[in-house]
């Protein structure tokens, strides 16, 4: 699993939409722990947010195939098996769930 300081940095970066910072941190962790499902899934999410579906898909599949299996805490605070979470992430990727919602400019409202 991620070392505590790196995990917090990567989680904070992902949660605040700083995908580039998360990717930098997670790529360093991936070099150290190439089979860590938490690193693989979080890095896949960061790439999916950036629209790099090919890298995200490869990372999610690697997490599903990893010999390391772990119970991971999700963003909503629940705990789930890493392989199940990787399958869910892959399904979300296929549905486009990681893409930011684009709202036409004319539908936005401004307050005076």
Protein backbone atom coordinates (compact mmCIF):
# COMPACT_ATOMS: atom_id res chain seq x y z
CA UNK A 1 0.00 0.00 0.00
CA UNK A 2 1.01 3.64 -0.32
CA UNK A 3 3.24 5.01 2.39
CA UNK A 4 1.13 7.24 4.64
CA UNK A 5 2.46 10.68 3.53
CA UNK A 6 2.30 9.74 -0.17
CA UNK A 7 -1.19 8.29 0.25
CA UNK A 8 -2.44 11.51 1.80
CA UNK A 9 -0.78 13.62 -0.90
CA UNK A 10 -2.23 11.54 -3.71
CA UNK A 11 -5.69 11.35 -2.12
CA UNK A 12 -5.79 15.07 -1.44
CA UNK A 13 -4.66 15.83 -4.98
CA UNK A 14 -7.28 13.50 -6.51
CA UNK A 15 -10.06 14.80 -4.29
CA UNK A 16 -9.30 18.41 -5.17
CA UNK A 17 -9.05 17.77 -8.90
CA UNK A 18 -5.27 18.17 -9.10
CA UNK A 19 -4.80 15.15 -11.32
CA UNK A 20 -1.31 16.13 -12.52
CA UNK A 21 -0.02 16.27 -8.93
CA UNK A 22 -1.71 12.96 -8.14
CA UNK A 23 -0.19 11.35 -11.22
CA UNK A 24 3.32 12.52 -10.26
CA UNK A 25 2.97 11.09 -6.75
CA UNK A 26 1.34 7.86 -7.88
CA UNK A 27 3.85 7.23 -10.69
CA UNK A 28 6.66 7.40 -8.10
CA UNK A 29 4.75 4.92 -5.92
CA UNK A 30 4.11 2.65 -8.90
CA UNK A 31 7.87 2.43 -9.50
CA UNK A 32 8.30 1.20 -5.92
CA UNK A 33 5.19 -1.02 -5.77
CA UNK A 34 4.13 -2.05 -9.29
CA UNK A 35 1.50 -4.55 -8.08
CA UNK A 36 -0.13 -2.37 -5.40
CA UNK A 37 -3.83 -2.31 -6.29
CA UNK A 38 -4.42 1.00 -4.48
CA UNK A 39 -1.74 2.70 -6.55
CA UNK A 40 -2.98 1.12 -9.77
CA UNK A 41 -6.61 2.09 -9.17
CA UNK A 42 -5.90 5.63 -8.01
CA UNK A 43 -3.51 6.24 -10.89
CA UNK A 44 -6.14 4.87 -13.27
CA UNK A 45 -8.70 7.29 -11.84
CA UNK A 46 -6.30 10.22 -12.26
CA UNK A 47 -5.66 9.30 -15.90
CA UNK A 48 -9.38 8.80 -16.50
CA UNK A 49 -10.06 12.30 -15.15
CA UNK A 50 -7.57 13.62 -17.70
CA UNK A 51 -9.29 11.71 -20.50
CA UNK A 52 -6.54 9.14 -21.04
CA UNK A 53 -8.88 6.15 -21.13
CA UNK A 54 -6.24 3.82 -22.60
CA UNK A 55 -3.86 4.27 -19.65
CA UNK A 56 -6.73 4.17 -17.16
CA UNK A 57 -8.05 0.92 -18.63
CA UNK A 58 -4.61 -0.72 -18.52
CA UNK A 59 -4.17 0.30 -14.87
CA UNK A 60 -7.62 -0.94 -13.82
CA UNK A 61 -6.97 -4.27 -15.58
CA UNK A 62 -3.58 -4.54 -13.87
CA UNK A 63 -5.27 -4.02 -10.49
CA UNK A 64 -7.78 -6.77 -11.29
CA UNK A 65 -4.95 -9.15 -12.26
CA UNK A 66 -2.64 -8.22 -9.37
CA UNK A 67 -1.53 -10.99 -7.06
CA UNK A 68 -1.92 -8.46 -4.25
CA UNK A 69 -5.49 -8.27 -3.04
CA UNK A 70 -6.51 -5.67 -0.49
CA UNK A 71 -9.52 -4.17 1.21
CA UNK A 72 -9.52 -0.54 0.14
CA UNK A 73 -11.37 2.43 1.53
CA UNK A 74 -13.37 4.29 -1.11
CA UNK A 75 -14.15 7.98 -1.37
CA UNK A 76 -17.49 7.48 0.41
CA UNK A 77 -15.77 5.79 3.36
CA UNK A 78 -16.87 2.23 2.61
CA UNK A 79 -14.40 -0.64 2.28
CA UNK A 80 -14.30 -3.01 -0.67
CA UNK A 81 -12.09 -5.67 -2.23
CA UNK A 82 -9.51 -4.17 -4.62
CA UNK A 83 -10.46 -6.46 -7.51
CA UNK A 84 -14.13 -5.58 -7.16
CA UNK A 85 -13.22 -1.89 -7.01
CA UNK A 86 -11.06 -2.21 -10.14
CA UNK A 87 -13.97 -3.88 -12.00
CA UNK A 88 -16.27 -1.08 -10.87
CA UNK A 89 -13.75 1.53 -12.03
CA UNK A 90 -13.48 -0.17 -15.43
CA UNK A 91 -17.27 -0.16 -15.74
CA UNK A 92 -17.37 3.51 -14.78
CA UNK A 93 -14.70 4.24 -17.40
CA UNK A 94 -16.80 2.49 -20.05
CA UNK A 95 -19.79 4.67 -19.09
CA UNK A 96 -17.71 7.87 -19.15
CA UNK A 97 -18.35 8.46 -15.45
CA UNK A 98 -14.89 9.92 -14.83
CA UNK A 99 -15.32 12.67 -17.41
CA UNK A 100 -16.13 16.15 -16.16
CA UNK A 101 -19.66 17.23 -16.91
CA UNK A 102 -19.64 19.91 -19.54
CA UNK A 103 -22.40 22.44 -19.19
CA UNK A 104 -23.17 24.79 -22.07
CA UNK A 105 -22.27 28.35 -21.11
CA UNK A 106 -25.78 29.61 -21.78
CA UNK A 107 -27.22 27.31 -19.08
CA UNK A 108 -25.14 28.88 -16.33
CA UNK A 109 -26.65 31.59 -14.18
CA UNK A 110 -24.95 34.55 -12.60
CA UNK A 111 -25.98 36.56 -9.59
CA UNK A 112 -25.70 40.28 -9.56
